Amino acid sequence: MNILILNGSPSGKNSITLYTMLYIEKFFPDHTYTTIHVGQQIRSIEKDFTKSAQALAAADLIVFCYPVYTFLVPSQLHRFIELIKEHGVELQGKFATQISTSKHFYDMTAHQFIEDNCRDLGLRYIRGLSADMDDLTKASGQKEALDFWRFVEWNMALDQPDEDLTEQAGSAGRIALVTDAAEGSKLSEMIEAFRAASAQKVDVVNIREFPFQGGCLGCFRCAADGTCIYKDGFSSFLRDNIQTADAIVYAYTVKDHSMGSRFKMYDDRQFCNGHRTVTMGKPVAYLVEGDLSEEPNLMTLMRARSEVGGNFLAGIADTDEKIGSVAKTLEYAIENAYQPPKDFYGVGGLKVFRDLIYQMQGLMREDHRFYKKHGFYDFPQKKKGRIAAMYLVGAMMNSPKIMKKIGGKMTEGMVMPYQKVLKDAEKKRNQK
């Protein structure tokens, strides 16, 4: 397979983001990798786009690789995308994905920008990897990078007709499908189509039939002692029927730009799950009856809900044609425990709750125990070694004499830890 890496970093070969791709190459050497340093070479590319056009035409997979700059990709990569369109390069049907590094500050808007442009160009987009700048130096981040690439290759190999989707019926795992669908509705038909396409056992949990005593009262009792003031058995119903599943699918009809009041009552009544992410690590998906192209806020809600909960969003199907793909992606996520890093929705949302719960730990006792147990209290104020190191770097950069000596070697120093990661990866590969 011919893989074209569009390195959007102005640092060129010293890009931290590029090192994630170089790490992947070490473990997947059977492909042909070509890199264009578009971030560093954009001026010369503007003058002559011939080589870039040829590389794009020869690629089977295009990887947009960049650091997040001010909510989006760097302007140099932005310009390169403009040039692709201006020169009319035919990319219809090719695959594309992306790798970014940042501190997860609005990385999701950068990723959406790439996804939208891939759609413009007729590319078949595969969800990308949004990594923290330091992830590749950690074992967990290295695993996430390799898991991501396996997911990309699986998606490319999945190019098969829907009638083949049920070949692996009986695969291990149980899916809880939560819905308020009425019998005989279009939504109920979508649910049956999903059950037919799924390799896992699908238990339909219809909240339309549950005897709710009322909506959430915001009394904080669940945050204090883990119990609900209502005695309608919802807490046990939630634990026994839904939270024990390997994955969760939510199926609803769009009503008033949302999921409808009954589904919202269900969501509110599991209020504590917004703080204590008890289903984290389990993939989720949605079946939605309605035109989601008219519902950007609802799309944001579904994405953010999964990110804050620590759940991989396997897909959203609002048409019959998407159901089979969502079922297969959910199957892959269950069988491979696929869990990419969170983006801004998940990281930012968790930090808001982290600060709130720490301050209110006297009241929110159950939440406080949960956050302590899972190491969510990662306050940056406590990282004194990192703070001291940044003071030292800042002092060096304020010295004209030192900066003159360093010259343009700052980025070379920044990638030194990542060079060690690549050397260690080479040793691991050679030992196999």
Protein backbone atom coordinates (compact mmCIF):
# COMPACT_ATOMS: atom_id res chain seq x y z
CA MET A 1 0.00 0.00 0.00
CA ASN A 2 1.24 3.48 -0.88
CA ILE A 3 0.88 5.83 2.09
CA LEU A 4 1.36 9.57 1.64
CA ILE A 5 2.09 11.59 4.78
CA LEU A 6 1.32 15.29 4.54
CA ASN A 7 3.45 16.76 7.33
CA GLY A 8 1.85 20.09 8.13
CA SER A 9 4.33 21.12 10.81
CA PRO A 10 6.68 24.05 10.02
CA SER A 11 9.34 22.08 11.92
CA GLY A 12 9.62 19.60 9.07
CA LYS A 13 11.49 16.44 10.03
CA ASN A 14 11.72 17.72 13.62
CA SER A 15 7.94 17.62 14.03
CA ILE A 16 6.78 15.85 17.21
CA THR A 17 3.60 14.83 15.37
CA LEU A 18 5.60 13.24 12.56
CA TYR A 19 7.36 11.02 15.09
CA THR A 20 4.06 9.29 15.85
CA MET A 21 3.86 8.31 12.20
CA LEU A 22 7.53 7.29 12.15
CA TYR A 23 6.85 5.09 15.19
CA ILE A 24 3.96 3.42 13.37
CA GLU A 25 6.19 2.78 10.36
CA LYS A 26 8.57 0.75 12.54
CA PHE A 27 5.85 -1.79 13.31
CA PHE A 28 4.12 -1.78 9.90
CA PRO A 29 7.07 -1.90 7.48
CA ASP A 30 5.26 -3.67 4.62
CA HIS A 31 3.94 -0.43 3.11
CA THR A 32 5.58 2.26 1.01
CA TYR A 33 5.72 5.56 2.93
CA THR A 34 6.23 8.93 1.26
CA THR A 35 6.39 12.20 3.20
CA ILE A 36 5.84 15.72 1.88
CA HIS A 37 6.88 18.38 4.40
CA VAL A 38 4.14 20.76 3.31
CA GLY A 39 4.43 22.92 6.45
CA GLN A 40 8.09 23.67 5.78
CA GLN A 41 8.06 23.68 1.98
CA ILE A 42 4.77 25.41 1.17
CA ARG A 43 6.41 28.31 -0.70
CA SER A 44 8.21 26.04 -3.15
CA ILE A 45 5.10 23.84 -3.47
CA GLU A 46 3.05 26.90 -4.44
CA LYS A 47 5.51 27.58 -7.27
CA ASP A 48 5.45 24.01 -8.57
CA PHE A 49 2.70 21.62 -7.50
CA THR A 50 3.68 18.87 -9.97
CA LYS A 51 5.48 16.51 -7.56
CA SER A 52 2.80 16.91 -4.91
CA ALA A 53 0.06 16.16 -7.44
CA GLN A 54 1.91 13.03 -8.56
CA ALA A 55 2.36 11.83 -4.97
CA LEU A 56 -1.33 12.41 -4.24
CA ALA A 57 -2.34 10.50 -7.36
CA ALA A 58 -0.13 7.53 -6.42
CA ALA A 59 -1.37 7.27 -2.84
CA ASP A 60 -3.79 4.65 -1.54
CA LEU A 61 -3.99 6.34 1.86
CA ILE A 62 -3.36 9.99 2.70
CA VAL A 63 -2.39 10.87 6.29
CA PHE A 64 -2.76 14.51 7.36
CA CYS A 65 -0.13 14.89 10.08
CA TYR A 66 0.05 18.18 12.02
CA PRO A 67 0.20 20.01 15.37
CA VAL A 68 -2.99 21.89 16.28
CA TYR A 69 -2.52 25.65 15.88
CA THR A 70 -5.23 28.01 17.18
CA PHE A 71 -8.22 25.66 16.88
CA LEU A 72 -7.26 24.38 13.39
CA VAL A 73 -4.41 23.02 11.29
CA PRO A 74 -1.37 25.27 10.65
CA SER A 75 -1.93 27.82 7.87
CA GLN A 76 0.67 26.07 5.70
CA LEU A 77 -1.35 22.83 5.63
CA HIS A 78 -4.50 24.88 5.12
CA ARG A 79 -2.86 26.41 2.04
CA PHE A 80 -1.84 22.97 0.74
CA ILE A 81 -5.47 21.83 0.88
CA GLU A 82 -6.42 24.96 -1.09
CA LEU A 83 -3.80 24.01 -3.70
CA ILE A 84 -5.22 20.48 -4.03
CA LYS A 85 -8.58 22.00 -4.88
CA GLU A 86 -7.16 24.72 -7.12
CA HIS A 87 -5.23 22.15 -9.19
CA GLY A 88 -8.24 19.83 -9.40
CA VAL A 89 -6.37 16.72 -8.19
CA GLU A 90 -8.65 13.70 -8.52
CA LEU A 91 -8.77 11.87 -5.17
CA GLN A 92 -12.22 10.31 -5.37
CA GLY A 93 -12.39 6.96 -3.56
CA LYS A 94 -8.96 7.11 -1.90
CA PHE A 95 -8.70 6.69 1.87
CA ALA A 96 -7.62 9.41 4.28
CA THR A 97 -7.04 9.81 8.00
CA GLN A 98 -5.20 12.21 10.30
CA ILE A 99 -2.78 12.36 13.22
CA SER A 100 -2.50 15.46 15.37
CA THR A 101 -0.66 16.40 18.54
CA SER A 102 -1.73 19.11 20.97
CA LYS A 103 -2.71 19.59 24.58
CA HIS A 104 -6.28 18.78 23.48
CA PHE A 105 -7.29 22.43 23.31
CA TYR A 106 -9.98 22.44 20.60
CA ASP A 107 -8.38 19.58 18.72
CA MET A 108 -11.87 18.44 17.68
CA THR A 109 -12.37 21.56 15.52
CA ALA A 110 -9.09 20.86 13.73
CA HIS A 111 -10.12 17.24 13.14
CA GLN A 112 -13.54 18.31 11.87
CA PHE A 113 -11.83 20.71 9.44
CA ILE A 114 -9.81 17.85 7.93
CA GLU A 115 -12.83 15.55 7.84
CA ASP A 116 -14.95 18.17 6.07
CA ASN A 117 -12.24 18.78 3.47
CA CYS A 118 -11.80 15.05 2.91
CA ARG A 119 -15.51 14.93 2.13
CA ASP A 120 -15.10 17.83 -0.33
CA LEU A 121 -12.34 15.92 -2.10
CA GLY A 122 -14.26 12.66 -2.31
CA LEU A 123 -11.89 10.91 0.10
CA ARG A 124 -13.10 8.02 2.24
CA TYR A 125 -12.33 9.34 5.69
CA ILE A 126 -11.26 7.15 8.63
CA ARG A 127 -11.42 8.69 12.10
CA GLY A 128 -7.99 9.99 13.13
CA LEU A 129 -5.77 10.01 16.20
CA SER A 130 -5.65 13.08 18.43
CA ALA A 131 -2.66 12.55 20.71
CA ASP A 132 -1.24 14.60 23.53
CA MET A 133 2.22 16.01 22.71
CA ASP A 134 3.80 13.72 25.31
CA ASP A 135 1.85 10.54 24.50
CA LEU A 136 4.50 8.88 22.35
CA THR A 137 6.99 8.93 25.23
CA LYS A 138 4.62 6.76 27.31
CA ALA A 139 3.76 3.09 26.90
CA SER A 140 0.04 3.91 26.87
CA GLY A 141 0.49 6.44 24.06
CA GLN A 142 2.61 4.02 22.02
CA LYS A 143 -0.12 1.41 22.33
CA GLU A 144 -2.77 3.94 21.29
CA ALA A 145 -0.75 4.80 18.17
CA LEU A 146 -0.44 1.15 17.10
CA ASP A 147 -4.08 0.39 17.95
CA PHE A 148 -5.09 3.38 15.86
CA TRP A 149 -3.14 2.11 12.86
CA ARG A 150 -4.68 -1.37 13.16
CA PHE A 151 -8.08 0.35 13.17
CA VAL A 152 -7.15 2.25 9.99
CA GLU A 153 -6.05 -0.93 8.22
CA TRP A 154 -9.18 -2.74 9.37
CA ASN A 155 -11.36 0.02 7.94
CA MET A 156 -9.59 -0.16 4.60
CA ALA A 157 -10.01 -3.94 4.51
CA LEU A 158 -13.70 -3.66 5.38
CA ASP A 159 -14.64 -2.60 1.87
CA GLN A 160 -17.29 -5.28 1.39
CA PRO A 161 -21.05 -5.38 0.66
CA ASP A 162 -23.57 -5.34 3.48
CA GLU A 163 -24.69 -8.93 2.85
CA ASP A 164 -21.32 -10.12 4.22
CA LEU A 165 -21.78 -8.34 7.55
CA THR A 166 -23.41 -11.30 9.33
CA GLU A 167 -20.73 -13.88 8.52
CA GLN A 168 -19.33 -13.84 12.06
CA ALA A 169 -22.69 -14.12 13.85
CA GLY A 170 -22.31 -15.48 17.37
CA SER A 171 -19.23 -13.43 18.21
CA ALA A 172 -18.68 -12.90 21.93
CA GLY A 173 -20.09 -9.82 23.59
CA ARG A 174 -23.42 -8.33 24.56
CA ILE A 175 -24.87 -5.02 23.42
CA ALA A 176 -27.53 -3.17 25.38
CA LEU A 177 -29.69 -1.21 22.97
CA VAL A 178 -31.54 1.54 24.85
CA THR A 179 -34.56 2.99 23.07
CA ASP A 180 -37.99 4.54 23.45
CA ALA A 181 -39.17 3.24 20.06
CA ALA A 182 -42.86 2.57 19.51
CA GLU A 183 -43.86 -0.75 17.95
CA GLY A 184 -44.11 -0.57 14.17
CA SER A 185 -42.20 2.72 13.92
CA LYS A 186 -39.40 3.49 11.48
CA LEU A 187 -37.03 3.50 14.47
CA SER A 188 -38.10 -0.04 15.43
CA GLU A 189 -37.29 -1.12 11.86
CA MET A 190 -33.82 0.41 12.18
CA ILE A 191 -33.32 -1.48 15.44
CA GLU A 192 -34.23 -4.80 13.81
CA ALA A 193 -31.86 -4.06 10.93
CA PHE A 194 -29.07 -3.40 13.45
CA ARG A 195 -29.81 -6.66 15.30
CA ALA A 196 -29.64 -8.55 12.00
CA ALA A 197 -26.32 -6.92 11.10
CA SER A 198 -24.70 -7.36 14.52
CA ALA A 199 -22.47 -10.31 15.38
CA GLN A 200 -23.12 -9.75 19.09
CA LYS A 201 -26.16 -10.57 21.19
CA VAL A 202 -28.34 -7.44 21.23
CA ASP A 203 -30.67 -6.94 24.20
CA VAL A 204 -33.27 -4.26 23.52
CA VAL A 205 -34.05 -2.22 26.64
CA ASN A 206 -37.14 -0.12 25.95
CA ILE A 207 -37.36 2.75 28.43
CA ARG A 208 -40.81 3.51 27.04
CA GLU A 209 -42.03 0.71 29.30
CA PHE A 210 -40.10 1.70 32.46
CA PRO A 211 -42.25 3.10 35.34
CA PHE A 212 -40.29 6.30 36.00
CA GLN A 213 -41.62 8.17 39.04
CA GLY A 214 -40.26 11.41 37.63
CA GLY A 215 -37.32 13.31 36.22
CA CYS A 216 -34.10 14.15 38.05
CA LEU A 217 -34.59 16.64 40.88
CA GLY A 218 -30.95 17.76 41.05
CA CYS A 219 -30.82 16.92 44.77
CA PHE A 220 -27.20 15.58 44.60
CA ARG A 221 -28.09 12.54 46.70
CA CYS A 222 -26.54 10.20 44.12
CA ALA A 223 -23.32 12.23 44.29
CA ALA A 224 -23.32 12.09 48.09
CA ASP A 225 -24.10 8.43 48.84
CA GLY A 226 -24.65 6.80 45.44
CA THR A 227 -28.40 6.31 45.84
CA CYS A 228 -31.39 7.98 44.18
CA ILE A 229 -34.20 9.66 46.10
CA TYR A 230 -36.74 7.90 43.86
CA LYS A 231 -37.77 4.34 44.76
CA ASP A 232 -38.80 3.21 41.28
CA GLY A 233 -35.87 0.78 40.88
CA PHE A 234 -34.13 2.72 38.11
CA SER A 235 -30.67 2.43 39.70
CA SER A 236 -30.87 -1.39 39.73
CA PHE A 237 -32.41 -1.38 36.26
CA LEU A 238 -29.48 0.71 34.99
CA ARG A 239 -26.81 -1.45 36.64
CA ASP A 240 -28.30 -4.86 35.77
CA ASN A 241 -29.53 -4.27 32.22
CA ILE A 242 -27.29 -1.60 30.73
CA GLN A 243 -24.02 -1.03 32.58
CA THR A 244 -23.20 -4.78 32.51
CA ALA A 245 -23.15 -4.84 28.70
CA ASP A 246 -19.96 -4.78 26.60
CA ALA A 247 -21.31 -1.91 24.51
CA ILE A 248 -24.29 0.41 24.48
CA VAL A 249 -26.38 1.61 21.55
CA TYR A 250 -28.86 4.46 21.97
CA ALA A 251 -31.78 4.55 19.52
CA TYR A 252 -34.18 7.50 19.40
CA THR A 253 -36.19 9.76 17.12
CA VAL A 254 -35.22 13.42 16.78
CA LYS A 255 -37.82 15.59 18.50
CA ASP A 256 -37.52 19.37 18.90
CA HIS A 257 -33.79 19.24 18.02
CA SER A 258 -33.12 16.64 20.74
CA MET A 259 -33.86 13.04 21.65
CA GLY A 260 -37.27 13.76 23.18
CA SER A 261 -38.28 14.33 26.80
CA ARG A 262 -38.53 10.67 27.83
CA PHE A 263 -35.06 9.84 26.58
CA LYS A 264 -33.79 13.00 28.26
CA MET A 265 -35.43 11.82 31.51
CA TYR A 266 -33.48 8.57 31.21
CA ASP A 267 -30.28 10.52 30.61
CA ASP A 268 -30.91 12.88 33.53
CA ARG A 269 -31.70 10.02 35.89
CA GLN A 270 -28.25 8.56 35.26
CA PHE A 271 -26.92 11.99 36.30
CA CYS A 272 -24.17 10.43 38.40
CA ASN A 273 -22.77 8.76 35.28
CA GLY A 274 -21.87 12.21 33.99
CA HIS A 275 -19.52 12.58 36.97
CA ARG A 276 -18.58 8.96 37.66
CA THR A 277 -17.88 7.54 34.22
CA VAL A 278 -18.80 4.00 35.24
CA THR A 279 -19.07 2.76 31.62
CA MET A 280 -15.71 4.18 30.49
CA GLY A 281 -13.87 1.94 28.08
CA LYS A 282 -17.10 0.58 26.59
CA PRO A 283 -17.90 1.61 23.01
CA VAL A 284 -21.18 3.33 22.20
CA ALA A 285 -23.17 3.96 19.03
CA TYR A 286 -26.39 5.68 18.00
CA LEU A 287 -29.33 4.83 15.76
CA VAL A 288 -31.21 8.03 15.02
CA GLU A 289 -34.43 8.47 13.09
CA GLY A 290 -34.22 11.96 11.63
CA ASP A 291 -32.09 14.18 9.41
CA LEU A 292 -28.92 14.88 11.41
CA SER A 293 -27.59 17.20 8.72
CA GLU A 294 -30.02 19.74 10.18
CA GLU A 295 -28.99 19.04 13.78
CA PRO A 296 -25.37 20.18 14.39
CA ASN A 297 -25.99 20.78 18.10
CA LEU A 298 -27.36 17.26 18.56
CA MET A 299 -24.32 15.84 16.76
CA THR A 300 -22.07 17.77 19.14
CA LEU A 301 -24.04 16.45 22.10
CA MET A 302 -23.59 12.82 21.04
CA ARG A 303 -19.88 13.25 20.40
CA ALA A 304 -19.27 15.11 23.66
CA ARG A 305 -21.35 12.61 25.67
CA SER A 306 -19.19 9.73 24.52
CA GLU A 307 -15.91 11.61 25.03
CA VAL A 308 -16.74 12.74 28.58
CA GLY A 309 -17.88 9.22 29.41
CA GLY A 310 -14.64 7.68 28.13
CA ASN A 311 -16.51 5.76 25.42
CA PHE A 312 -15.31 5.22 21.85
CA LEU A 313 -18.05 6.47 19.53
CA ALA A 314 -18.33 3.64 17.02
CA GLY A 315 -20.73 5.52 14.79
CA ILE A 316 -24.05 7.27 14.31
CA ALA A 317 -26.54 5.80 11.83
CA ASP A 318 -29.37 8.04 10.67
CA THR A 319 -29.97 6.10 7.44
CA ASP A 320 -30.43 2.40 6.69
CA GLU A 321 -27.22 2.41 4.64
CA LYS A 322 -25.09 3.31 7.68
CA ILE A 323 -26.42 0.62 10.03
CA GLY A 324 -24.21 -2.21 8.81
CA SER A 325 -21.04 -0.12 9.05
CA VAL A 326 -21.89 0.96 12.61
CA ALA A 327 -22.56 -2.66 13.61
CA LYS A 328 -19.19 -3.80 12.23
CA THR A 329 -17.27 -0.94 13.85
CA LEU A 330 -18.91 -1.70 17.18
CA GLU A 331 -17.95 -5.35 16.78
CA TYR A 332 -14.32 -4.36 16.11
CA ALA A 333 -14.26 -2.05 19.13
CA ILE A 334 -15.61 -4.77 21.45
CA GLU A 335 -13.31 -7.54 20.23
CA ASN A 336 -10.18 -5.35 20.20
CA ALA A 337 -11.00 -3.15 23.22
CA TYR A 338 -10.33 -0.18 20.97
CA GLN A 339 -10.13 3.05 22.97
CA PRO A 340 -8.41 6.07 21.37
CA PRO A 341 -7.38 9.07 23.50
CA LYS A 342 -10.02 11.66 24.37
CA ASP A 343 -10.27 14.92 22.50
CA PHE A 344 -11.11 18.37 23.90
CA TYR A 345 -14.69 17.36 24.71
CA GLY A 346 -13.53 14.56 26.98
CA VAL A 347 -10.35 16.12 28.40
CA GLY A 348 -11.88 19.56 28.97
CA GLY A 349 -15.15 18.19 30.34
CA LEU A 350 -13.37 15.92 32.80
CA LYS A 351 -11.20 18.76 34.07
CA VAL A 352 -14.26 20.92 34.75
CA PHE A 353 -15.78 18.12 36.82
CA ARG A 354 -12.40 17.37 38.41
CA ASP A 355 -12.13 20.88 39.84
CA LEU A 356 -15.79 20.98 40.88
CA ILE A 357 -15.75 17.63 42.65
CA TYR A 358 -12.46 18.36 44.41
CA GLN A 359 -13.92 21.58 45.81
CA MET A 360 -17.23 19.91 46.74
CA GLN A 361 -15.79 16.60 47.99
CA GLY A 362 -17.48 17.04 51.35
CA LEU A 363 -20.87 16.81 49.64
CA MET A 364 -20.03 14.77 46.52
CA ARG A 365 -18.45 11.94 48.48
CA GLU A 366 -19.11 9.11 46.02
CA ASP A 367 -17.79 11.18 43.11
CA HIS A 368 -14.71 12.09 45.16
CA ARG A 369 -13.94 8.43 45.91
CA PHE A 370 -14.34 7.55 42.23
CA TYR A 371 -12.00 10.34 41.07
CA LYS A 372 -9.35 9.41 43.63
CA LYS A 373 -9.53 5.72 42.68
CA HIS A 374 -9.02 6.43 38.96
CA GLY A 375 -6.33 9.09 39.34
CA PHE A 376 -8.41 11.91 37.85
CA TYR A 377 -6.96 14.50 40.23
CA ASP A 378 -4.07 15.34 37.91
CA PHE A 379 -3.67 18.97 38.99
CA PRO A 380 -0.85 20.67 37.02
CA GLN A 381 0.04 22.75 40.10
CA LYS A 382 1.51 19.61 41.66
CA LYS A 383 3.95 18.92 38.81
CA LYS A 384 6.77 20.97 40.35
CA GLY A 385 9.54 19.32 38.33
CA ARG A 386 7.87 20.21 35.04
CA ILE A 387 7.24 23.78 36.19
CA ALA A 388 10.91 24.19 37.22
CA ALA A 389 12.09 22.82 33.88
CA MET A 390 9.92 25.33 32.01
CA TYR A 391 11.37 28.16 34.09
CA LEU A 392 14.85 27.01 33.02
CA VAL A 393 13.87 26.87 29.34
CA GLY A 394 12.23 30.29 29.62
CA ALA A 395 15.37 31.76 31.15
CA MET A 396 17.48 30.32 28.32
CA MET A 397 15.18 31.80 25.68
CA ASN A 398 15.43 35.21 27.35
CA SER A 399 19.20 35.17 26.95
CA PRO A 400 20.28 36.58 23.55
CA LYS A 401 23.70 34.99 23.99
CA ILE A 402 22.32 31.49 24.56
CA MET A 403 19.71 31.82 21.80
CA LYS A 404 22.40 32.89 19.34
CA LYS A 405 24.38 29.78 20.22
CA ILE A 406 21.35 27.50 19.92
CA GLY A 407 20.32 29.06 16.62
CA GLY A 408 17.69 26.90 14.86
CA LYS A 409 18.43 23.82 16.92
CA MET A 410 15.55 24.27 19.37
CA THR A 411 13.28 21.86 17.52
CA GLU A 412 16.10 19.30 17.31
CA GLY A 413 16.29 19.33 21.10
CA MET A 414 12.52 18.96 21.41
CA VAL A 415 12.46 15.72 19.42
CA MET A 416 15.36 14.04 21.23
CA PRO A 417 13.06 12.04 23.57
CA TYR A 418 11.08 10.87 20.53
CA GLN A 419 14.26 9.76 18.75
CA LYS A 420 14.93 7.48 21.72
CA VAL A 421 11.40 6.06 21.35
CA LEU A 422 12.15 5.19 17.71
CA LYS A 423 15.44 3.50 18.64
CA ASP A 424 13.68 1.42 21.28
CA ALA A 425 10.97 0.53 18.74
CA GLU A 426 13.64 -0.64 16.29
CA LYS A 427 15.09 -2.93 18.99
CA LYS A 428 11.64 -4.36 19.79
CA ARG A 429 10.93 -5.07 16.14
CA ASN A 430 14.30 -6.76 15.61
CA GLN A 431 13.73 -8.98 18.66
CA LYS A 432 10.55 -10.43 17.16
